[in-house]
PDB file of N, CA and C in Angstrom:
ATOM      1  N   UNK A   1       0.567  -1.247  -0.199  1.00  0.00           N
ATOM      2  CA  UNK A   1       0.348  -0.001   0.160  1.00  0.00           C
ATOM      3  C   UNK A   1       0.792   0.973   0.195  1.00  0.00           C
ATOM      4  N   UNK A   2       0.756   1.837  -0.712  1.00  0.00           N
ATOM      5  CA  UNK A   2       1.287   3.863  -1.038  1.00  0.00           C
ATOM      6  C   UNK A   2       1.123   4.601  -0.084  1.00  0.00           C
ATOM      7  N   UNK A   3       1.709   5.808   0.293  1.00  0.00           N
ATOM      8  CA  UNK A   3       1.469   6.713   1.669  1.00  0.00           C
ATOM      9  C   UNK A   3       0.272   7.445   0.216  1.00  0.00           C
ATOM     10  N   UNK A   4      -0.535   7.431  -0.596  1.00  0.00           N
ATOM     11  CA  UNK A   4      -1.537   8.324  -1.102  1.00  0.00           C
ATOM     12  C   UNK A   4      -3.256   6.819  -1.093  1.00  0.00           C
ATOM     13  N   UNK A   5      -2.782   5.807  -1.244  1.00  0.00           N
ATOM     14  CA  UNK A   5      -3.216   4.828  -0.794  1.00  0.00           C
ATOM     15  C   UNK A   5      -3.755   4.820   0.445  1.00  0.00           C
ATOM     16  N   UNK A   6      -2.770   4.593   1.657  1.00  0.00           N
ATOM     17  CA  UNK A   6      -3.330   5.172   3.189  1.00  0.00           C
ATOM     18  C   UNK A   6      -4.507   6.143   3.434  1.00  0.00           C
ATOM     19  N   UNK A   7      -4.016   7.296   3.266  1.00  0.00           N
ATOM     20  CA  UNK A   7      -4.399   8.363   3.293  1.00  0.00           C
ATOM     21  C   UNK A   7      -5.499   8.331   2.773  1.00  0.00           C
ATOM     22  N   UNK A   8      -5.995   8.238   1.567  1.00  0.00           N
ATOM     23  CA  UNK A   8      -7.145   8.424   1.153  1.00  0.00           C
ATOM     24  C   UNK A   8      -8.298   7.298   1.195  1.00  0.00           C
ATOM     25  N   UNK A   9      -8.083   6.242   1.845  1.00  0.00           N
ATOM     26  CA  UNK A   9      -8.442   5.572   2.576  1.00  0.00           C
ATOM     27  C   UNK A   9      -9.047   5.649   4.119  1.00  0.00           C
ATOM     28  N   UNK A  10      -8.371   6.658   4.538  1.00  0.00           N
ATOM     29  CA  UNK A  10      -8.543   6.949   5.497  1.00  0.00           C
ATOM     30  C   UNK A  10      -9.545   9.078   5.806  1.00  0.00           C
ATOM     31  N   UNK A  11      -9.413   9.034   4.068  1.00  0.00           N
ATOM     32  CA  UNK A  11     -10.373  10.531   4.162  1.00  0.00           C
ATOM     33  C   UNK A  11      -9.590  11.852   4.116  1.00  0.00           C
ATOM     34  N   UNK A  12      -7.978  11.734   4.534  1.00  0.00           N
ATOM     35  CA  UNK A  12      -7.194  12.616   4.928  1.00  0.00           C
ATOM     36  C   UNK A  12      -6.445  13.115   3.321  1.00  0.00           C
ATOM     37  N   UNK A  13      -6.603  14.802   3.422  1.00  0.00           N
ATOM     38  CA  UNK A  13      -5.761  14.803   2.689  1.00  0.00           C
ATOM     39  C   UNK A  13      -4.138  15.230   2.561  1.00  0.00           C
ATOM     40  N   UNK A  14      -3.877  15.345   1.434  1.00  0.00           N
ATOM     41  CA  UNK A  14      -2.290  15.849   1.498  1.00  0.00           C
ATOM     42  C   UNK A  14      -1.611  16.767   2.320  1.00  0.00           C
ATOM     43  N   UNK A  15      -2.708  17.949   2.460  1.00  0.00           N
ATOM     44  CA  UNK A  15      -1.929  18.911   3.566  1.00  0.00           C
ATOM     45  C   UNK A  15      -2.629  18.281   5.212  1.00  0.00           C
ATOM     46  N   UNK A  16      -2.963  17.777   5.622  1.00  0.00           N
ATOM     47  CA  UNK A  16      -3.854  17.179   6.684  1.00  0.00           C
ATOM     48  C   UNK A  16      -2.609  16.414   7.106  1.00  0.00           C
ATOM     49  N   UNK A  17      -2.234  15.345   6.092  1.00  0.00           N
ATOM     50  CA  UNK A  17      -0.927  14.318   6.353  1.00  0.00           C
ATOM     51  C   UNK A  17       0.279  14.998   6.846  1.00  0.00           C
ATOM     52  N   UNK A  18       0.744  15.705   5.811  1.00  0.00           N
ATOM     53  CA  UNK A  18       2.053  16.687   5.597  1.00  0.00           C
ATOM     54  C   UNK A  18       1.856  17.661   7.066  1.00  0.00           C
ATOM     55  N   UNK A  19       1.259  18.084   7.167  1.00  0.00           N
ATOM     56  CA  UNK A  19       1.313  18.959   8.703  1.00  0.00           C
ATOM     57  C   UNK A  19       0.572  18.143   9.914  1.00  0.00           C
ATOM     58  N   UNK A  20       0.802  16.781  10.122  1.00  0.00           N
ATOM     59  CA  UNK A  20      -0.541  16.028  11.272  1.00  0.00           C
ATOM     60  C   UNK A  20       1.772  15.692  11.162  1.00  0.00           C
ATOM     61  N   UNK A  21       1.751  14.707  10.225  1.00  0.00           N
ATOM     62  CA  UNK A  21       3.513  14.029  10.837  1.00  0.00           C
ATOM     63  C   UNK A  21       4.510  15.263  10.380  1.00  0.00           C
ATOM     64  N   UNK A  22       4.528  15.873  10.091  1.00  0.00           N
ATOM     65  CA  UNK A  22       5.112  17.596   9.855  1.00  0.00           C
ATOM     66  C   UNK A  22       6.561  17.614   8.750  1.00  0.00           C
ATOM     67  N   UNK A  23       6.156  16.981   7.566  1.00  0.00           N
ATOM     68  CA  UNK A  23       6.541  16.373   6.503  1.00  0.00           C
ATOM     69  C   UNK A  23       6.598  17.539   6.124  1.00  0.00           C
ATOM     70  N   UNK A  24       7.271  18.469   5.097  1.00  0.00           N
ATOM     71  CA  UNK A  24       6.902  19.151   4.034  1.00  0.00           C
ATOM     72  C   UNK A  24       5.736  18.370   3.012  1.00  0.00           C
ATOM     73  N   UNK A  25       4.437  19.920   2.916  1.00  0.00           N
ATOM     74  CA  UNK A  25       3.726  18.973   1.341  1.00  0.00           C
ATOM     75  C   UNK A  25       4.278  19.053   0.272  1.00  0.00           C
ATOM     76  N   UNK A  26       5.518  19.473  -0.440  1.00  0.00           N
ATOM     77  CA  UNK A  26       6.143  19.700  -1.198  1.00  0.00           C
ATOM     78  C   UNK A  26       6.808  18.030  -1.360  1.00  0.00           C
ATOM     79  N   UNK A  27       7.237  17.315  -0.236  1.00  0.00           N
ATOM     80  CA  UNK A  27       7.812  17.144  -0.012  1.00  0.00           C
ATOM     81  C   UNK A  27       6.511  15.638  -0.653  1.00  0.00           C
ATOM     82  N   UNK A  28       5.925  15.493   0.340  1.00  0.00           N
ATOM     83  CA  UNK A  28       4.934  14.262  -0.166  1.00  0.00           C
ATOM     84  C   UNK A  28       4.140  14.813  -1.572  1.00  0.00           C
ATOM     85  N   UNK A  29       4.080  15.214  -1.773  1.00  0.00           N
ATOM     86  CA  UNK A  29       3.379  16.109  -3.214  1.00  0.00           C
ATOM     87  C   UNK A  29       4.414  14.783  -4.157  1.00  0.00           C
ATOM     88  N   UNK A  30       5.788  15.184  -4.339  1.00  0.00           N
ATOM     89  CA  UNK A  30       6.827  14.900  -4.847  1.00  0.00           C
ATOM     90  C   UNK A  30       6.797  13.042  -4.741  1.00  0.00           C
ATOM     91  N   UNK A  31       6.523  12.826  -3.353  1.00  0.00           N
ATOM     92  CA  UNK A  31       6.316  11.061  -3.441  1.00  0.00           C
ATOM     93  C   UNK A  31       4.841  10.967  -4.490  1.00  0.00           C
ATOM     94  N   UNK A  32       3.901  11.400  -3.957  1.00  0.00           N
ATOM     95  CA  UNK A  32       2.921  10.834  -4.925  1.00  0.00           C
ATOM     96  C   UNK A  32       2.753  10.781  -5.796  1.00  0.00           C
ATOM     97  N   UNK A  33       3.319  12.229  -6.277  1.00  0.00           N
ATOM     98  CA  UNK A  33       3.693  12.155  -7.870  1.00  0.00           C
ATOM     99  C   UNK A  33       4.411  11.183  -8.269  1.00  0.00           C
ATOM    100  N   UNK A  34       5.728  10.552  -7.799  1.00  0.00           N
ATOM    101  CA  UNK A  34       6.406   9.868  -8.515  1.00  0.00           C
ATOM    102  C   UNK A  34       7.783  10.604  -9.107  1.00  0.00           C
ATOM    103  N   UNK A  35       7.851  11.760  -8.514  1.00  0.00           N
ATOM    104  CA  UNK A  35       8.477  12.882  -9.011  1.00  0.00           C
ATOM    105  C   UNK A  35      10.080  12.638  -7.843  1.00  0.00           C
ATOM    106  N   UNK A  36      10.155  11.663  -6.470  1.00  0.00           N
ATOM    107  CA  UNK A  36      10.982  11.476  -5.552  1.00  0.00           C
ATOM    108  C   UNK A  36      10.484  10.822  -5.020  1.00  0.00           C
ATOM    109  N   UNK A  37      11.544   9.612  -4.697  1.00  0.00           N
ATOM    110  CA  UNK A  37      11.129   7.874  -4.343  1.00  0.00           C
ATOM    111  C   UNK A  37      11.343   7.950  -2.471  1.00  0.00           C
ATOM    112  N   UNK A  38      10.183   7.716  -1.958  1.00  0.00           N
ATOM    113  CA  UNK A  38      10.249   7.368  -0.465  1.00  0.00           C
ATOM    114  C   UNK A  38      11.229   6.807  -0.259  1.00  0.00           C
ATOM    115  N   UNK A  39      11.988   6.199   0.716  1.00  0.00           N
ATOM    116  CA  UNK A  39      12.775   5.058   1.016  1.00  0.00           C
ATOM    117  C   UNK A  39      11.773   4.474   1.828  1.00  0.00           C
ATOM    118  N   UNK A  40      11.559   3.229   0.732  1.00  0.00           N
ATOM    119  CA  UNK A  40      10.331   1.474   1.423  1.00  0.00           C
ATOM    120  C   UNK A  40      10.049   2.084   3.081  1.00  0.00           C
ATOM    121  N   UNK A  41      11.347   1.967   3.445  1.00  0.00           N
ATOM    122  CA  UNK A  41      11.210   1.994   5.408  1.00  0.00           C
ATOM    123  C   UNK A  41      10.508   3.267   5.897  1.00  0.00           C
ATOM    124  N   UNK A  42      10.674   3.815   5.206  1.00  0.00           N
ATOM    125  CA  UNK A  42       9.115   5.408   5.361  1.00  0.00           C
ATOM    126  C   UNK A  42       8.518   5.155   5.330  1.00  0.00           C
ATOM    127  N   UNK A  43       7.892   5.099   3.716  1.00  0.00           N
ATOM    128  CA  UNK A  43       6.558   4.379   3.906  1.00  0.00           C
ATOM    129  C   UNK A  43       5.812   3.747   4.135  1.00  0.00           C
ATOM    130  N   UNK A  44       6.018   2.931   4.379  1.00  0.00           N
ATOM    131  CA  UNK A  44       5.937   1.480   5.299  1.00  0.00           C
ATOM    132  C   UNK A  44       5.505   2.304   6.892  1.00  0.00           C
ATOM    133  N   UNK A  45       6.567   3.194   7.426  1.00  0.00           N
ATOM    134  CA  UNK A  45       6.266   3.270   8.660  1.00  0.00           C
ATOM    135  C   UNK A  45       4.950   4.686   8.682  1.00  0.00           C
ATOM    136  N   UNK A  46       4.962   5.151   7.231  1.00  0.00           N
ATOM    137  CA  UNK A  46       3.924   6.633   7.451  1.00  0.00           C
ATOM    138  C   UNK A  46       2.710   5.504   6.913  1.00  0.00           C
ATOM    139  N   UNK A  47       2.533   4.865   6.079  1.00  0.00           N
ATOM    140  CA  UNK A  47       1.620   3.842   5.880  1.00  0.00           C
ATOM    141  C   UNK A  47       0.381   3.297   7.569  1.00  0.00           C
ATOM    142  N   UNK A  48       1.609   3.127   8.685  1.00  0.00           N
ATOM    143  CA  UNK A  48       1.570   2.360   9.628  1.00  0.00           C
ATOM    144  C   UNK A  48       0.635   3.103  10.471  1.00  0.00           C
ATOM    145  N   UNK A  49       1.090   4.839   9.900  1.00  0.00           N
ATOM    146  CA  UNK A  49       0.740   5.920  11.448  1.00  0.00           C
ATOM    147  C   UNK A  49      -0.637   6.146  10.454  1.00  0.00           C
ATOM    148  N   UNK A  50      -0.830   6.740   9.447  1.00  0.00           N
ATOM    149  CA  UNK A  50      -1.459   6.403   8.624  1.00  0.00           C
ATOM    150  C   UNK A  50      -3.349   6.094   9.337  1.00  0.00           C
ATOM    151  N   UNK A  51      -3.237   4.480   8.799  1.00  0.00           N
ATOM    152  CA  UNK A  51      -3.975   3.199   8.602  1.00  0.00           C
ATOM    153  C   UNK A  51      -3.832   3.360  10.530  1.00  0.00           C
ATOM    154  N   UNK A  52      -3.534   3.156  11.562  1.00  0.00           N
ATOM    155  CA  UNK A  52      -3.595   3.426  13.004  1.00  0.00           C
ATOM    156  C   UNK A  52      -3.595   4.271  13.130  1.00  0.00           C
ATOM    157  N   UNK A  53      -3.106   5.378  13.211  1.00  0.00           N
ATOM    158  CA  UNK A  53      -3.565   7.002  13.811  1.00  0.00           C
ATOM    159  C   UNK A  53      -4.856   7.242  13.790  1.00  0.00           C
ATOM    160  N   UNK A  54      -4.787   8.300  14.226  1.00  0.00           N
ATOM    161  CA  UNK A  54      -5.989   9.751  14.060  1.00  0.00           C
ATOM    162  C   UNK A  54      -5.709  10.961  14.473  1.00  0.00           C
ATOM    163  N   UNK A  55      -5.950  11.751  13.512  1.00  0.00           N
ATOM    164  CA  UNK A  55      -5.557  13.082  13.894  1.00  0.00           C
ATOM    165  C   UNK A  55      -6.404  13.794  14.905  1.00  0.00           C
ATOM    166  N   UNK A  56      -6.081  14.952  15.699  1.00  0.00           N
ATOM    167  CA  UNK A  56      -7.012  15.248  16.632  1.00  0.00           C
ATOM    168  C   UNK A  56      -8.211  15.722  15.546  1.00  0.00           C
ATOM    169  N   UNK A  57      -7.783  15.938  14.456  1.00  0.00           N
ATOM    170  CA  UNK A  57      -9.102  17.063  13.331  1.00  0.00           C
ATOM    171  C   UNK A  57      -9.486  15.832  12.612  1.00  0.00           C
ATOM    172  N   UNK A  58      -9.779  14.380  12.846  1.00  0.00           N
ATOM    173  CA  UNK A  58     -10.347  13.654  12.108  1.00  0.00           C
ATOM    174  C   UNK A  58     -11.132  13.468  13.654  1.00  0.00           C
ATOM    175  N   UNK A  59     -10.858  13.294  14.532  1.00  0.00           N
ATOM    176  CA  UNK A  59     -11.963  12.575  16.193  1.00  0.00           C
ATOM    177  C   UNK A  59     -12.581  13.673  16.111  1.00  0.00           C
ATOM    178  N   UNK A  60     -12.028  14.845  16.022  1.00  0.00           N
ATOM    179  CA  UNK A  60     -13.207  15.965  16.476  1.00  0.00           C
ATOM    180  C   UNK A  60     -14.365  15.664  15.399  1.00  0.00           C
ATOM    181  N   UNK A  61     -14.439  15.374  14.012  1.00  0.00           N
ATOM    182  CA  UNK A  61     -15.179  15.422  12.514  1.00  0.00           C
ATOM    183  C   UNK A  61     -15.842  14.429  13.505  1.00  0.00           C
ATOM    184  N   UNK A  62     -15.697  13.193  13.712  1.00  0.00           N
ATOM    185  CA  UNK A  62     -16.783  11.788  14.430  1.00  0.00           C
ATOM    186  C   UNK A  62     -17.307  12.351  15.333  1.00  0.00           C
ATOM    187  N   UNK A  63     -17.045  13.600  16.103  1.00  0.00           N
ATOM    188  CA  UNK A  63     -17.583  13.304  17.099  1.00  0.00           C
ATOM    189  C   UNK A  63     -18.475  14.925  17.107  1.00  0.00           C
ATOM    190  N   UNK A  64     -18.774  15.080  15.803  1.00  0.00           N
ATOM    191  CA  UNK A  64     -19.129  16.041  15.681  1.00  0.00           C
ATOM    192  C   UNK A  64     -19.102  17.462  15.980  1.00  0.00           C
ATOM    193  N   UNK A  65     -17.802  18.018  16.034  1.00  0.00           N
ATOM    194  CA  UNK A  65     -17.582  19.156  16.493  1.00  0.00           C
ATOM    195  C   UNK A  65     -16.776  19.862  15.474  1.00  0.00           C
ATOM    196  N   UNK A  66     -16.499  20.985  15.204  1.00  0.00           N
ATOM    197  CA  UNK A  66     -16.160  21.802  14.261  1.00  0.00           C
ATOM    198  C   UNK A  66     -14.606  22.489  14.257  1.00  0.00           C
ATOM    199  N   UNK A  67     -14.190  22.053  13.957  1.00  0.00           N
ATOM    200  CA  UNK A  67     -12.083  22.197  12.972  1.00  0.00           C
ATOM    201  C   UNK A  67     -12.504  23.988  12.886  1.00  0.00           C
TER     202      UNK A  67
END
């Protein structure tokens, strides 16, 4: 599974993921567009984090709050 697949399955935007994980937005975009290669071990860690973790924003949205 790619970072893009993981974030889309969780309904997260690139901006959300970049801010949450403190990765430059441009770096994430370059990885997803195939302009740069994310190291495989980093991609695995990011995918795992996205699939198992939730941002405060997601939790607030699930509770019906506003952000």
